[in-house]
Amino acid sequence: MEIDNGLIMVDSEHCAGYLFDFAGRGVYSPDGKVEVTKAQADEHNRLLAEAELLGLDQNCEVGQYGTFYYVKEQVQTWTGVLVSSDVTRTGQSVTFRRNGKVYRGRLQKEADCFNFRRIK
């Protein structure tokens, strides 16, 4: 793996997902152990969250989808970066708005994350 402008790259076109630091055991991606420091992992996670929001704002078309987290009546990235506080929950359905766009998803039992799709 290489580091490209702060992102941990799996190959020349793909970056690793969010990284988890297990104190005393190392840093892990969803695919396994990554030989980077905690500081590098923190910077990667910060940049990845920024990229997610940039992609949502600039590239997400109606019908496209993603995954975020419903926490304390807000929608957030995995690292807790606020995506939207303009959120309506009806039962298990979550609708949120960001920059004039509307997204809807459905909460799953015992899970904070939910898949959403842009609807407007």
C-alpha atoms as a PDB file:
ATOM      1  CA  MET A   1       0.000   0.000   0.000  1.00  0.00           C
ATOM      2  CA  GLU A   2       1.076   3.543  -0.728  1.00  0.00           C
ATOM      3  CA  ILE A   3       0.071   6.910   0.695  1.00  0.00           C
ATOM      4  CA  ASP A   4      -1.186   9.428  -1.873  1.00  0.00           C
ATOM      5  CA  ASN A   5      -1.885  12.922  -0.524  1.00  0.00           C
ATOM      6  CA  GLY A   6      -2.791  11.430   2.859  1.00  0.00           C
ATOM      7  CA  LEU A   7      -5.012   8.609   1.579  1.00  0.00           C
ATOM      8  CA  ILE A   8      -3.904   5.000   2.023  1.00  0.00           C
ATOM      9  CA  MET A   9      -4.102   3.476  -1.442  1.00  0.00           C
ATOM     10  CA  VAL A  10      -4.895  -0.189  -2.100  1.00  0.00           C
ATOM     11  CA  ASP A  11      -3.701   0.249  -5.697  1.00  0.00           C
ATOM     12  CA  SER A  12      -3.217   3.174  -8.065  1.00  0.00           C
ATOM     13  CA  GLU A  13      -6.985   3.775  -8.406  1.00  0.00           C
ATOM     14  CA  HIS A  14      -8.574   2.697  -5.112  1.00  0.00           C
ATOM     15  CA  CYS A  15      -8.125   3.883  -1.549  1.00  0.00           C
ATOM     16  CA  ALA A  16      -8.650   1.740   1.530  1.00  0.00           C
ATOM     17  CA  GLY A  17     -11.901   2.071   3.449  1.00  0.00           C
ATOM     18  CA  TYR A  18     -12.015   3.543   6.915  1.00  0.00           C
ATOM     19  CA  LEU A  19      -9.155   2.423   9.140  1.00  0.00           C
ATOM     20  CA  PHE A  20      -9.470   1.164  12.703  1.00  0.00           C
ATOM     21  CA  ASP A  21      -6.687   1.605  15.262  1.00  0.00           C
ATOM     22  CA  PHE A  22      -6.620  -1.190  17.836  1.00  0.00           C
ATOM     23  CA  ALA A  23      -4.232   0.128  20.492  1.00  0.00           C
ATOM     24  CA  GLY A  24      -1.278  -2.191  20.843  1.00  0.00           C
ATOM     25  CA  ARG A  25      -2.356  -4.358  17.911  1.00  0.00           C
ATOM     26  CA  GLY A  26      -2.048  -2.027  14.943  1.00  0.00           C
ATOM     27  CA  VAL A  27      -4.203  -0.403  12.316  1.00  0.00           C
ATOM     28  CA  TYR A  28      -6.694  -2.415  10.281  1.00  0.00           C
ATOM     29  CA  SER A  29      -8.800  -1.818   7.193  1.00  0.00           C
ATOM     30  CA  PRO A  30     -11.863  -3.947   6.438  1.00  0.00           C
ATOM     31  CA  ASP A  31      -9.439  -6.139   4.438  1.00  0.00           C
ATOM     32  CA  GLY A  32      -6.846  -6.692   7.172  1.00  0.00           C
ATOM     33  CA  LYS A  33      -3.833  -5.163   8.879  1.00  0.00           C
ATOM     34  CA  VAL A  34      -2.316  -2.036   7.340  1.00  0.00           C
ATOM     35  CA  GLU A  35       1.247  -0.982   8.131  1.00  0.00           C
ATOM     36  CA  VAL A  36       0.616   2.703   8.900  1.00  0.00           C
ATOM     37  CA  THR A  37       0.761   4.831  12.035  1.00  0.00           C
ATOM     38  CA  LYS A  38      -2.285   5.945  14.002  1.00  0.00           C
ATOM     39  CA  ALA A  39      -1.643   9.518  12.806  1.00  0.00           C
ATOM     40  CA  GLN A  40      -1.625   8.355   9.177  1.00  0.00           C
ATOM     41  CA  ALA A  41      -4.832   6.389   9.765  1.00  0.00           C
ATOM     42  CA  ASP A  42      -6.506   9.428  11.352  1.00  0.00           C
ATOM     43  CA  GLU A  43      -5.524  11.632   8.395  1.00  0.00           C
ATOM     44  CA  HIS A  44      -6.754   8.981   5.929  1.00  0.00           C
ATOM     45  CA  ASN A  45     -10.117   8.742   7.740  1.00  0.00           C
ATOM     46  CA  ARG A  46     -10.484  12.544   7.775  1.00  0.00           C
ATOM     47  CA  LEU A  47      -9.768  12.787   4.050  1.00  0.00           C
ATOM     48  CA  LEU A  48     -12.044   9.839   3.247  1.00  0.00           C
ATOM     49  CA  ALA A  49     -14.972  11.470   5.084  1.00  0.00           C
ATOM     50  CA  GLU A  50     -14.316  14.718   3.165  1.00  0.00           C
ATOM     51  CA  ALA A  51     -14.275  12.783  -0.106  1.00  0.00           C
ATOM     52  CA  GLU A  52     -17.573  11.068   0.749  1.00  0.00           C
ATOM     53  CA  LEU A  53     -19.253  14.427   1.319  1.00  0.00           C
ATOM     54  CA  LEU A  54     -17.715  15.962  -1.791  1.00  0.00           C
ATOM     55  CA  GLY A  55     -18.946  13.000  -3.831  1.00  0.00           C
ATOM     56  CA  LEU A  56     -22.405  13.288  -2.311  1.00  0.00           C
ATOM     57  CA  ASP A  57     -22.587  17.011  -3.092  1.00  0.00           C
ATOM     58  CA  GLN A  58     -21.048  16.972  -6.559  1.00  0.00           C
ATOM     59  CA  ASN A  59     -21.653  13.539  -8.057  1.00  0.00           C
ATOM     60  CA  CYS A  60     -24.634  11.766  -6.474  1.00  0.00           C
ATOM     61  CA  GLU A  61     -27.458  11.599  -9.012  1.00  0.00           C
ATOM     62  CA  VAL A  62     -31.065  10.541  -8.412  1.00  0.00           C
ATOM     63  CA  GLY A  63     -31.121   6.768  -7.928  1.00  0.00           C
ATOM     64  CA  GLN A  64     -27.522   6.479  -6.729  1.00  0.00           C
ATOM     65  CA  TYR A  65     -26.905   5.203  -3.240  1.00  0.00           C
ATOM     66  CA  GLY A  66     -24.494   4.993  -0.331  1.00  0.00           C
ATOM     67  CA  THR A  67     -24.222   4.200   3.365  1.00  0.00           C
ATOM     68  CA  PHE A  68     -24.182   6.572   6.321  1.00  0.00           C
ATOM     69  CA  TYR A  69     -25.040   6.414  10.020  1.00  0.00           C
ATOM     70  CA  TYR A  70     -28.121   7.570  11.898  1.00  0.00           C
ATOM     71  CA  VAL A  71     -26.978   8.867  15.283  1.00  0.00           C
ATOM     72  CA  LYS A  72     -28.891  11.122  17.671  1.00  0.00           C
ATOM     73  CA  GLU A  73     -31.403  12.164  14.994  1.00  0.00           C
ATOM     74  CA  GLN A  74     -28.622  13.185  12.598  1.00  0.00           C
ATOM     75  CA  VAL A  75     -26.917  11.559   9.625  1.00  0.00           C
ATOM     76  CA  GLN A  76     -23.137  11.180   9.947  1.00  0.00           C
ATOM     77  CA  THR A  77     -20.151   9.534   8.311  1.00  0.00           C
ATOM     78  CA  TRP A  78     -18.492   6.590  10.062  1.00  0.00           C
ATOM     79  CA  THR A  79     -16.099   9.005  11.785  1.00  0.00           C
ATOM     80  CA  GLY A  80     -18.934  11.205  13.051  1.00  0.00           C
ATOM     81  CA  VAL A  81     -18.689  14.031  10.507  1.00  0.00           C
ATOM     82  CA  LEU A  82     -22.123  15.629  10.163  1.00  0.00           C
ATOM     83  CA  VAL A  83     -23.818  14.897   6.841  1.00  0.00           C
ATOM     84  CA  SER A  84     -27.213  16.384   7.708  1.00  0.00           C
ATOM     85  CA  SER A  85     -29.218  17.540  10.688  1.00  0.00           C
ATOM     86  CA  ASP A  86     -32.264  18.071   8.430  1.00  0.00           C
ATOM     87  CA  VAL A  87     -33.549  14.560   9.095  1.00  0.00           C
ATOM     88  CA  THR A  88     -37.012  13.052   9.357  1.00  0.00           C
ATOM     89  CA  ARG A  89     -37.541   9.567  10.743  1.00  0.00           C
ATOM     90  CA  THR A  90     -40.839   7.754  10.293  1.00  0.00           C
ATOM     91  CA  GLY A  91     -40.646   4.264  11.735  1.00  0.00           C
ATOM     92  CA  GLN A  92     -37.555   2.714  10.158  1.00  0.00           C
ATOM     93  CA  SER A  93     -37.506   5.127   7.204  1.00  0.00           C
ATOM     94  CA  VAL A  94     -34.961   7.976   7.320  1.00  0.00           C
ATOM     95  CA  THR A  95     -35.144  10.941   4.966  1.00  0.00           C
ATOM     96  CA  PHE A  96     -32.420  13.564   4.983  1.00  0.00           C
ATOM     97  CA  ARG A  97     -31.659  16.679   2.996  1.00  0.00           C
ATOM     98  CA  ARG A  98     -28.340  18.202   2.043  1.00  0.00           C
ATOM     99  CA  ASN A  99     -27.663  21.078  -0.332  1.00  0.00           C
ATOM    100  CA  GLY A 100     -31.122  20.927  -1.898  1.00  0.00           C
ATOM    101  CA  LYS A 101     -30.978  17.177  -2.516  1.00  0.00           C
ATOM    102  CA  VAL A 102     -33.169  14.582  -0.791  1.00  0.00           C
ATOM    103  CA  TYR A 103     -32.107  11.081   0.245  1.00  0.00           C
ATOM    104  CA  ARG A 104     -34.066   8.226   1.790  1.00  0.00           C
ATOM    105  CA  GLY A 105     -33.030   5.015   3.469  1.00  0.00           C
ATOM    106  CA  ARG A 106     -34.215   2.382   5.863  1.00  0.00           C
ATOM    107  CA  LEU A 107     -32.774   1.531   9.269  1.00  0.00           C
ATOM    108  CA  GLN A 108     -32.042  -2.115   9.966  1.00  0.00           C
ATOM    109  CA  LYS A 109     -32.623  -3.807  13.323  1.00  0.00           C
ATOM    110  CA  GLU A 110     -29.804  -3.207  15.781  1.00  0.00           C
ATOM    111  CA  ALA A 111     -27.668  -1.249  13.290  1.00  0.00           C
ATOM    112  CA  ASP A 112     -26.739   2.418  13.257  1.00  0.00           C
ATOM    113  CA  CYS A 113     -25.704   2.385   9.607  1.00  0.00           C
ATOM    114  CA  PHE A 114     -28.253   2.484   6.826  1.00  0.00           C
ATOM    115  CA  ASN A 115     -28.213   2.396   3.057  1.00  0.00           C
ATOM    116  CA  PHE A 116     -29.786   5.368   1.325  1.00  0.00           C
ATOM    117  CA  ARG A 117     -30.671   6.419  -2.194  1.00  0.00           C
ATOM    118  CA  ARG A 118     -31.016   9.921  -3.632  1.00  0.00           C
ATOM    119  CA  ILE A 119     -34.688  10.488  -4.466  1.00  0.00           C
ATOM    120  CA  LYS A 120     -34.717  14.221  -5.502  1.00  0.00           C
END
